[in-house]
Structure formats: structure tokens, C-alpha cells
Amino acid sequence: MASGSSAYVFPARRAAKRFPHVSPDTLNVTLRSLAHGLDHFAVHDFRRTMRSELSGLGVWADLLQTLERGEKYKVVSIPVRAAAWLCAPGG
């Protein structure tokens, strides 16, 4: 679903050769303007928060590392203990 005449959903606000889409710093700049008393906060903090929350829910450490790095998780890397959990009724 593109925005206006752009092929991107979130196009750059001004013509940019380097990034025709939203620049990697856009979220950090926005967060800085909304910080409301936070000394430092960056998009990377969302990644750490996600990892902490998912870990607390029992998500496997190797899966969390894979998600953090943005890799595809290979089904063959799921531990054998997961097979029973995945096949259990309601699992």
C-alpha cells in the first residue's frame, strides 16, 4: 500500500538520494522530541524491551537472538523439547 506517488508506505518527507523511504534516524528524532524527561531513549531500546518481555514469557533464547538479528528462524533449529510442546493440545 503505497503513499501518494511513492512506492513506499512511509516515503521520505523531502526528496532524498540516500533514503527514498523514511530515514533510519527518523524514529530516533521523533522519540527525542517526545522524550518527556527521559535522558536517553533510542529505537534500539524497543529491541531490548521486546527481548526482555518475550524472555519473561518463556520464549527460547536462541529464537530471541535470531529475532534480534533479523534472521529467519530455521525450523530444524527448534530443540526437540519444543516438538512436544508444539504438538500438545492447545499448543
PDB file of N, CA and C in Angstrom:
ATOM      1  N   MET A   1       0.840  -1.166   0.000  1.00  0.00           N
ATOM      2  CA  MET A   1       0.000   0.000   0.000  1.00  0.00           C
ATOM      3  C   MET A   1       0.891   1.237   0.000  1.00  0.00           C
ATOM      4  N   ALA A   2       1.112   1.798  -1.118  1.00  0.00           N
ATOM      5  CA  ALA A   2       1.998   2.951  -1.262  1.00  0.00           C
ATOM      6  C   ALA A   2       1.306   4.228  -0.808  1.00  0.00           C
ATOM      7  N   SER A   3       2.132   5.228  -0.557  1.00  0.00           N
ATOM      8  CA  SER A   3       1.623   6.522  -0.110  1.00  0.00           C
ATOM      9  C   SER A   3       1.813   7.553  -1.219  1.00  0.00           C
ATOM     10  N   GLY A   4       0.717   8.106  -1.710  1.00  0.00           N
ATOM     11  CA  GLY A   4       0.797   9.104  -2.775  1.00  0.00           C
ATOM     12  C   GLY A   4       1.423   8.521  -4.025  1.00  0.00           C
ATOM     13  N   SER A   5       2.418   9.221  -4.571  1.00  0.00           N
ATOM     14  CA  SER A   5       3.070   8.765  -5.795  1.00  0.00           C
ATOM     15  C   SER A   5       4.295   7.903  -5.507  1.00  0.00           C
ATOM     16  N   SER A   6       4.576   7.644  -4.238  1.00  0.00           N
ATOM     17  CA  SER A   6       5.751   6.862  -3.861  1.00  0.00           C
ATOM     18  C   SER A   6       5.439   5.370  -3.834  1.00  0.00           C
ATOM     19  N   ALA A   7       6.463   4.568  -4.034  1.00  0.00           N
ATOM     20  CA  ALA A   7       6.327   3.121  -3.919  1.00  0.00           C
ATOM     21  C   ALA A   7       6.390   2.680  -2.461  1.00  0.00           C
ATOM     22  N   TYR A   8       6.744   3.606  -1.570  1.00  0.00           N
ATOM     23  CA  TYR A   8       6.902   3.287  -0.153  1.00  0.00           C
ATOM     24  C   TYR A   8       5.670   3.686   0.647  1.00  0.00           C
ATOM     25  N   VAL A   9       5.349   2.890   1.664  1.00  0.00           N
ATOM     26  CA  VAL A   9       4.254   3.228   2.564  1.00  0.00           C
ATOM     27  C   VAL A   9       4.623   4.466   3.368  1.00  0.00           C
ATOM     28  N   PHE A  10       5.891   4.549   3.779  1.00  0.00           N
ATOM     29  CA  PHE A  10       6.394   5.695   4.527  1.00  0.00           C
ATOM     30  C   PHE A  10       7.514   6.357   3.733  1.00  0.00           C
ATOM     31  N   PRO A  11       7.161   7.170   2.732  1.00  0.00           N
ATOM     32  CA  PRO A  11       8.195   7.808   1.914  1.00  0.00           C
ATOM     33  C   PRO A  11       8.909   8.911   2.683  1.00  0.00           C
ATOM     34  N   ALA A  12      10.070   9.299   2.180  1.00  0.00           N
ATOM     35  CA  ALA A  12      10.805  10.418   2.774  1.00  0.00           C
ATOM     36  C   ALA A  12       9.958  11.676   2.642  1.00  0.00           C
ATOM     37  N   ARG A  13      10.057  12.563   3.624  1.00  0.00           N
ATOM     38  CA  ARG A  13       9.263  13.795   3.589  1.00  0.00           C
ATOM     39  C   ARG A  13       9.804  14.772   2.558  1.00  0.00           C
ATOM     40  N   ARG A  14      11.072  14.678   2.267  1.00  0.00           N
ATOM     41  CA  ARG A  14      11.655  15.535   1.231  1.00  0.00           C
ATOM     42  C   ARG A  14      12.499  14.644   0.319  1.00  0.00           C
ATOM     43  N   ALA A  15      12.725  15.102  -0.890  1.00  0.00           N
ATOM     44  CA  ALA A  15      13.486  14.310  -1.855  1.00  0.00           C
ATOM     45  C   ALA A  15      14.870  14.004  -1.296  1.00  0.00           C
ATOM     46  N   ALA A  16      15.199  12.738  -1.242  1.00  0.00           N
ATOM     47  CA  ALA A  16      16.488  12.330  -0.692  1.00  0.00           C
ATOM     48  C   ALA A  16      17.093  11.267  -1.597  1.00  0.00           C
ATOM     49  N   LYS A  17      18.343  11.447  -1.926  1.00  0.00           N
ATOM     50  CA  LYS A  17      19.021  10.463  -2.768  1.00  0.00           C
ATOM     51  C   LYS A  17      19.422   9.243  -1.947  1.00  0.00           C
ATOM     52  N   ARG A  18      19.802   9.480  -0.708  1.00  0.00           N
ATOM     53  CA  ARG A  18      20.316   8.392   0.116  1.00  0.00           C
ATOM     54  C   ARG A  18      19.205   7.454   0.583  1.00  0.00           C
ATOM     55  N   PHE A  19      18.081   8.014   1.042  1.00  0.00           N
ATOM     56  CA  PHE A  19      16.971   7.202   1.534  1.00  0.00           C
ATOM     57  C   PHE A  19      15.659   7.697   0.931  1.00  0.00           C
ATOM     58  N   PRO A  20      15.105   6.986  -0.076  1.00  0.00           N
ATOM     59  CA  PRO A  20      13.820   7.404  -0.638  1.00  0.00           C
ATOM     60  C   PRO A  20      12.660   7.080   0.306  1.00  0.00           C
ATOM     61  N   HIS A  21      12.949   6.315   1.338  1.00  0.00           N
ATOM     62  CA  HIS A  21      11.961   5.956   2.354  1.00  0.00           C
ATOM     63  C   HIS A  21      12.326   6.687   3.644  1.00  0.00           C
ATOM     64  N   VAL A  22      11.602   6.450   4.699  1.00  0.00           N
ATOM     65  CA  VAL A  22      11.894   7.086   5.987  1.00  0.00           C
ATOM     66  C   VAL A  22      13.319   6.736   6.390  1.00  0.00           C
ATOM     67  N   SER A  23      14.077   7.733   6.783  1.00  0.00           N
ATOM     68  CA  SER A  23      15.472   7.506   7.144  1.00  0.00           C
ATOM     69  C   SER A  23      15.572   6.741   8.459  1.00  0.00           C
ATOM     70  N   PRO A  24      16.649   5.993   8.660  1.00  0.00           N
ATOM     71  CA  PRO A  24      16.827   5.242   9.910  1.00  0.00           C
ATOM     72  C   PRO A  24      16.803   6.129  11.152  1.00  0.00           C
ATOM     73  N   ASP A  25      17.130   7.396  11.018  1.00  0.00           N
ATOM     74  CA  ASP A  25      17.151   8.292  12.175  1.00  0.00           C
ATOM     75  C   ASP A  25      15.805   8.947  12.463  1.00  0.00           C
ATOM     76  N   THR A  26      14.834   8.785  11.579  1.00  0.00           N
ATOM     77  CA  THR A  26      13.552   9.456  11.755  1.00  0.00           C
ATOM     78  C   THR A  26      12.899   9.105  13.085  1.00  0.00           C
ATOM     79  N   LEU A  27      12.875   7.820  13.422  1.00  0.00           N
ATOM     80  CA  LEU A  27      12.256   7.418  14.685  1.00  0.00           C
ATOM     81  C   LEU A  27      13.016   7.960  15.884  1.00  0.00           C
ATOM     82  N   ASN A  28      14.347   7.954  15.819  1.00  0.00           N
ATOM     83  CA  ASN A  28      15.128   8.495  16.937  1.00  0.00           C
ATOM     84  C   ASN A  28      14.853   9.979  17.138  1.00  0.00           C
ATOM     85  N   VAL A  29      14.752  10.733  16.049  1.00  0.00           N
ATOM     86  CA  VAL A  29      14.457  12.168  16.147  1.00  0.00           C
ATOM     87  C   VAL A  29      13.068  12.371  16.753  1.00  0.00           C
ATOM     88  N   THR A  30      12.103  11.588  16.306  1.00  0.00           N
ATOM     89  CA  THR A  30      10.745  11.691  16.840  1.00  0.00           C
ATOM     90  C   THR A  30      10.714  11.336  18.317  1.00  0.00           C
ATOM     91  N   LEU A  31      11.389  10.243  18.684  1.00  0.00           N
ATOM     92  CA  LEU A  31      11.434   9.849  20.095  1.00  0.00           C
ATOM     93  C   LEU A  31      12.060  10.934  20.956  1.00  0.00           C
ATOM     94  N   ARG A  32      13.106  11.570  20.445  1.00  0.00           N
ATOM     95  CA  ARG A  32      13.771  12.636  21.192  1.00  0.00           C
ATOM     96  C   ARG A  32      12.800  13.784  21.469  1.00  0.00           C
ATOM     97  N   SER A  33      11.961  14.090  20.488  1.00  0.00           N
ATOM     98  CA  SER A  33      11.016  15.197  20.674  1.00  0.00           C
ATOM     99  C   SER A  33       9.878  14.827  21.628  1.00  0.00           C
ATOM    100  N   LEU A  34       9.649  13.533  21.822  1.00  0.00           N
ATOM    101  CA  LEU A  34       8.579  13.065  22.706  1.00  0.00           C
ATOM    102  C   LEU A  34       9.100  12.522  24.033  1.00  0.00           C
ATOM    103  N   ALA A  35      10.369  12.684  24.309  1.00  0.00           N
ATOM    104  CA  ALA A  35      11.026  12.029  25.444  1.00  0.00           C
ATOM    105  C   ALA A  35      10.405  12.354  26.797  1.00  0.00           C
ATOM    106  N   HIS A  36       9.924  13.544  26.992  1.00  0.00           N
ATOM    107  CA  HIS A  36       9.267  13.933  28.243  1.00  0.00           C
ATOM    108  C   HIS A  36      10.047  13.521  29.483  1.00  0.00           C
ATOM    109  N   GLY A  37      11.266  14.006  29.587  1.00  0.00           N
ATOM    110  CA  GLY A  37      12.058  13.772  30.788  1.00  0.00           C
ATOM    111  C   GLY A  37      12.994  12.579  30.736  1.00  0.00           C
ATOM    112  N   LEU A  38      12.931  11.786  29.684  1.00  0.00           N
ATOM    113  CA  LEU A  38      13.869  10.670  29.571  1.00  0.00           C
ATOM    114  C   LEU A  38      15.216  11.218  29.122  1.00  0.00           C
ATOM    115  N   ASP A  39      16.281  10.804  29.799  1.00  0.00           N
ATOM    116  CA  ASP A  39      17.610  11.292  29.433  1.00  0.00           C
ATOM    117  C   ASP A  39      18.036  10.783  28.063  1.00  0.00           C
ATOM    118  N   HIS A  40      17.820   9.506  27.824  1.00  0.00           N
ATOM    119  CA  HIS A  40      18.237   8.914  26.555  1.00  0.00           C
ATOM    120  C   HIS A  40      17.275   7.787  26.216  1.00  0.00           C
ATOM    121  N   PHE A  41      16.796   7.794  25.003  1.00  0.00           N
ATOM    122  CA  PHE A  41      15.937   6.717  24.535  1.00  0.00           C
ATOM    123  C   PHE A  41      16.117   6.613  23.035  1.00  0.00           C
ATOM    124  N   ALA A  42      16.300   5.408  22.539  1.00  0.00           N
ATOM    125  CA  ALA A  42      16.517   5.185  21.109  1.00  0.00           C
ATOM    126  C   ALA A  42      15.659   4.014  20.648  1.00  0.00           C
ATOM    127  N   VAL A  43      15.520   3.876  19.352  1.00  0.00           N
ATOM    128  CA  VAL A  43      14.748   2.774  18.785  1.00  0.00           C
ATOM    129  C   VAL A  43      15.295   1.436  19.280  1.00  0.00           C
ATOM    130  N   HIS A  44      16.601   1.357  19.461  1.00  0.00           N
ATOM    131  CA  HIS A  44      17.213   0.113  19.932  1.00  0.00           C
ATOM    132  C   HIS A  44      16.648  -0.303  21.297  1.00  0.00           C
ATOM    133  N   ASP A  45      16.205   0.655  22.090  1.00  0.00           N
ATOM    134  CA  ASP A  45      15.615   0.329  23.392  1.00  0.00           C
ATOM    135  C   ASP A  45      14.359  -0.519  23.229  1.00  0.00           C
ATOM    136  N   PHE A  46      13.609  -0.324  22.143  1.00  0.00           N
ATOM    137  CA  PHE A  46      12.446  -1.167  21.886  1.00  0.00           C
ATOM    138  C   PHE A  46      12.873  -2.614  21.683  1.00  0.00           C
ATOM    139  N   ARG A  47      13.997  -2.814  21.017  1.00  0.00           N
ATOM    140  CA  ARG A  47      14.516  -4.157  20.782  1.00  0.00           C
ATOM    141  C   ARG A  47      14.850  -4.837  22.109  1.00  0.00           C
ATOM    142  N   ARG A  48      15.520  -4.105  22.983  1.00  0.00           N
ATOM    143  CA  ARG A  48      15.869  -4.672  24.295  1.00  0.00           C
ATOM    144  C   ARG A  48      14.618  -4.967  25.115  1.00  0.00           C
ATOM    145  N   THR A  49      13.652  -4.062  25.054  1.00  0.00           N
ATOM    146  CA  THR A  49      12.406  -4.270  25.794  1.00  0.00           C
ATOM    147  C   THR A  49      11.676  -5.495  25.268  1.00  0.00           C
ATOM    148  N   MET A  50      11.612  -5.641  23.937  1.00  0.00           N
ATOM    149  CA  MET A  50      10.961  -6.801  23.342  1.00  0.00           C
ATOM    150  C   MET A  50      11.635  -8.085  23.809  1.00  0.00           C
ATOM    151  N   ARG A  51      12.955  -8.090  23.797  1.00  0.00           N
ATOM    152  CA  ARG A  51      13.669  -9.296  24.204  1.00  0.00           C
ATOM    153  C   ARG A  51      13.387  -9.629  25.666  1.00  0.00           C
ATOM    154  N   SER A  52      13.396  -8.631  26.525  1.00  0.00           N
ATOM    155  CA  SER A  52      13.129  -8.863  27.949  1.00  0.00           C
ATOM    156  C   SER A  52      11.718  -9.403  28.167  1.00  0.00           C
ATOM    157  N   GLU A  53      10.755  -8.796  27.502  1.00  0.00           N
ATOM    158  CA  GLU A  53       9.362  -9.221  27.674  1.00  0.00           C
ATOM    159  C   GLU A  53       9.136 -10.637  27.148  1.00  0.00           C
ATOM    160  N   LEU A  54       9.664 -10.929  25.950  1.00  0.00           N
ATOM    161  CA  LEU A  54       9.492 -12.270  25.383  1.00  0.00           C
ATOM    162  C   LEU A  54      10.224 -13.317  26.202  1.00  0.00           C
ATOM    163  N   SER A  55      11.379 -12.966  26.723  1.00  0.00           N
ATOM    164  CA  SER A  55      12.119 -13.885  27.587  1.00  0.00           C
ATOM    165  C   SER A  55      11.296 -14.202  28.833  1.00  0.00           C
ATOM    166  N   GLY A  56      10.662 -13.187  29.388  1.00  0.00           N
ATOM    167  CA  GLY A  56       9.807 -13.383  30.556  1.00  0.00           C
ATOM    168  C   GLY A  56       8.613 -14.274  30.267  1.00  0.00           C
ATOM    169  N   LEU A  57       8.208 -14.334  29.003  1.00  0.00           N
ATOM    170  CA  LEU A  57       7.096 -15.196  28.597  1.00  0.00           C
ATOM    171  C   LEU A  57       7.559 -16.617  28.275  1.00  0.00           C
ATOM    172  N   GLY A  58       8.873 -16.853  28.374  1.00  0.00           N
ATOM    173  CA  GLY A  58       9.397 -18.194  28.148  1.00  0.00           C
ATOM    174  C   GLY A  58       9.859 -18.484  26.733  1.00  0.00           C
ATOM    175  N   VAL A  59      10.003 -17.477  25.900  1.00  0.00           N
ATOM    176  CA  VAL A  59      10.499 -17.694  24.535  1.00  0.00           C
ATOM    177  C   VAL A  59      11.967 -18.096  24.615  1.00  0.00           C
ATOM    178  N   TRP A  60      12.362 -19.080  23.829  1.00  0.00           N
ATOM    179  CA  TRP A  60      13.717 -19.624  23.870  1.00  0.00           C
ATOM    180  C   TRP A  60      14.762 -18.581  23.504  1.00  0.00           C
ATOM    181  N   ALA A  61      15.889 -18.637  24.191  1.00  0.00           N
ATOM    182  CA  ALA A  61      16.976 -17.673  23.992  1.00  0.00           C
ATOM    183  C   ALA A  61      17.490 -17.683  22.554  1.00  0.00           C
ATOM    184  N   ASP A  62      17.610 -18.874  21.936  1.00  0.00           N
ATOM    185  CA  ASP A  62      18.133 -18.917  20.566  1.00  0.00           C
ATOM    186  C   ASP A  62      17.161 -18.275  19.581  1.00  0.00           C
ATOM    187  N   LEU A  63      15.869 -18.409  19.827  1.00  0.00           N
ATOM    188  CA  LEU A  63      14.880 -17.752  18.975  1.00  0.00           C
ATOM    189  C   LEU A  63      14.949 -16.237  19.167  1.00  0.00           C
ATOM    190  N   LEU A  64      15.118 -15.788  20.400  1.00  0.00           N
ATOM    191  CA  LEU A  64      15.228 -14.350  20.666  1.00  0.00           C
ATOM    192  C   LEU A  64      16.447 -13.756  19.975  1.00  0.00           C
ATOM    193  N   GLN A  65      17.568 -14.478  20.005  1.00  0.00           N
ATOM    194  CA  GLN A  65      18.774 -13.989  19.325  1.00  0.00           C
ATOM    195  C   GLN A  65      18.531 -13.876  17.829  1.00  0.00           C
ATOM    196  N   THR A  66      17.848 -14.856  17.270  1.00  0.00           N
ATOM    197  CA  THR A  66      17.547 -14.840  15.844  1.00  0.00           C
ATOM    198  C   THR A  66      16.656 -13.650  15.496  1.00  0.00           C
ATOM    199  N   LEU A  67      15.645 -13.403  16.309  1.00  0.00           N
ATOM    200  CA  LEU A  67      14.756 -12.262  16.073  1.00  0.00           C
ATOM    201  C   LEU A  67      15.511 -10.950  16.187  1.00  0.00           C
ATOM    202  N   GLU A  68      16.401 -10.850  17.161  1.00  0.00           N
ATOM    203  CA  GLU A  68      17.174  -9.626  17.357  1.00  0.00           C
ATOM    204  C   GLU A  68      18.049  -9.311  16.155  1.00  0.00           C
ATOM    205  N   ARG A  69      18.604 -10.348  15.564  1.00  0.00           N
ATOM    206  CA  ARG A  69      19.492 -10.135  14.418  1.00  0.00           C
ATOM    207  C   ARG A  69      18.715  -9.981  13.116  1.00  0.00           C
ATOM    208  N   GLY A  70      17.400 -10.198  13.150  1.00  0.00           N
ATOM    209  CA  GLY A  70      16.583 -10.054  11.952  1.00  0.00           C
ATOM    210  C   GLY A  70      16.743 -11.205  10.984  1.00  0.00           C
ATOM    211  N   GLU A  71      17.109 -12.363  11.484  1.00  0.00           N
ATOM    212  CA  GLU A  71      17.306 -13.535  10.630  1.00  0.00           C
ATOM    213  C   GLU A  71      16.031 -14.368  10.581  1.00  0.00           C
ATOM    214  N   LYS A  72      15.975 -15.247   9.603  1.00  0.00           N
ATOM    215  CA  LYS A  72      14.878 -16.195   9.547  1.00  0.00           C
ATOM    216  C   LYS A  72      15.213 -17.343  10.486  1.00  0.00           C
ATOM    217  N   TYR A  73      14.232 -17.784  11.247  1.00  0.00           N
ATOM    218  CA  TYR A  73      14.429 -18.883  12.193  1.00  0.00           C
ATOM    219  C   TYR A  73      14.179 -20.192  11.474  1.00  0.00           C
ATOM    220  N   LYS A  74      15.156 -21.066  11.497  1.00  0.00           N
ATOM    221  CA  LYS A  74      15.039 -22.350  10.812  1.00  0.00           C
ATOM    222  C   LYS A  74      14.322 -23.349  11.718  1.00  0.00           C
ATOM    223  N   VAL A  75      13.317 -23.988  11.170  1.00  0.00           N
ATOM    224  CA  VAL A  75      12.544 -24.951  11.947  1.00  0.00           C
ATOM    225  C   VAL A  75      13.439 -26.050  12.496  1.00  0.00           C
ATOM    226  N   VAL A  76      14.476 -26.438  11.755  1.00  0.00           N
ATOM    227  CA  VAL A  76      15.349 -27.516  12.225  1.00  0.00           C
ATOM    228  C   VAL A  76      16.128 -27.115  13.472  1.00  0.00           C
ATOM    229  N   SER A  77      16.198 -25.824  13.783  1.00  0.00           N
ATOM    230  CA  SER A  77      16.947 -25.408  14.959  1.00  0.00           C
ATOM    231  C   SER A  77      16.096 -25.398  16.224  1.00  0.00           C
ATOM    232  N   ILE A  78      14.810 -25.717  16.089  1.00  0.00           N
ATOM    233  CA  ILE A  78      13.966 -25.795  17.280  1.00  0.00           C
ATOM    234  C   ILE A  78      14.375 -27.035  18.067  1.00  0.00           C
ATOM    235  N   PRO A  79      14.642 -26.883  19.350  1.00  0.00           N
ATOM    236  CA  PRO A  79      15.040 -28.039  20.157  1.00  0.00           C
ATOM    237  C   PRO A  79      13.961 -29.118  20.171  1.00  0.00           C
ATOM    238  N   VAL A  80      14.386 -30.342  20.430  1.00  0.00           N
ATOM    239  CA  VAL A  80      13.459 -31.477  20.448  1.00  0.00           C
ATOM    240  C   VAL A  80      12.357 -31.245  21.478  1.00  0.00           C
ATOM    241  N   ARG A  81      12.685 -30.605  22.601  1.00  0.00           N
ATOM    242  CA  ARG A  81      11.676 -30.363  23.639  1.00  0.00           C
ATOM    243  C   ARG A  81      10.524 -29.519  23.107  1.00  0.00           C
ATOM    244  N   ALA A  82      10.784 -28.740  22.073  1.00  0.00           N
ATOM    245  CA  ALA A  82       9.744 -27.886  21.510  1.00  0.00           C
ATOM    246  C   ALA A  82       8.721 -28.696  20.731  1.00  0.00           C
ATOM    247  N   ALA A  83       9.141 -29.804  20.151  1.00  0.00           N
ATOM    248  CA  ALA A  83       8.236 -30.609  19.339  1.00  0.00           C
ATOM    249  C   ALA A  83       7.040 -31.070  20.168  1.00  0.00           C
ATOM    250  N   ALA A  84       7.294 -31.534  21.374  1.00  0.00           N
ATOM    251  CA  ALA A  84       6.206 -31.993  22.237  1.00  0.00           C
ATOM    252  C   ALA A  84       5.285 -30.832  22.595  1.00  0.00           C
ATOM    253  N   TRP A  85       5.867 -29.683  22.862  1.00  0.00           N
ATOM    254  CA  TRP A  85       5.077 -28.505  23.226  1.00  0.00           C
ATOM    255  C   TRP A  85       4.220 -28.044  22.049  1.00  0.00           C
ATOM    256  N   LEU A  86       4.806 -28.034  20.845  1.00  0.00           N
ATOM    257  CA  LEU A  86       4.079 -27.586  19.663  1.00  0.00           C
ATOM    258  C   LEU A  86       2.948 -28.537  19.280  1.00  0.00           C
ATOM    259  N   CYS A  87       3.149 -29.839  19.548  1.00  0.00           N
ATOM    260  CA  CYS A  87       2.155 -30.838  19.158  1.00  0.00           C
ATOM    261  C   CYS A  87       1.119 -31.097  20.247  1.00  0.00           C
ATOM    262  N   ALA A  88       1.326 -30.540  21.423  1.00  0.00           N
ATOM    263  CA  ALA A  88       0.394 -30.760  22.531  1.00  0.00           C
ATOM    264  C   ALA A  88      -0.938 -30.071  22.237  1.00  0.00           C
ATOM    265  N   PRO A  89      -2.038 -30.650  22.711  1.00  0.00           N
ATOM    266  CA  PRO A  89      -3.338 -29.995  22.521  1.00  0.00           C
ATOM    267  C   PRO A  89      -3.309 -28.584  23.115  1.00  0.00           C
ATOM    268  N   GLY A  90      -3.772 -27.637  22.342  1.00  0.00           N
ATOM    269  CA  GLY A  90      -3.780 -26.248  22.796  1.00  0.00           C
ATOM    270  C   GLY A  90      -2.439 -25.562  22.647  1.00  0.00           C
ATOM    271  N   GLY A  91      -1.403 -26.230  22.078  1.00  0.00           N
ATOM    272  CA  GLY A  91      -0.075 -25.651  21.961  1.00  0.00           C
ATOM    273  C   GLY A  91       0.212 -25.050  20.674  1.00  0.00           C
TER     274      GLY A  91
END
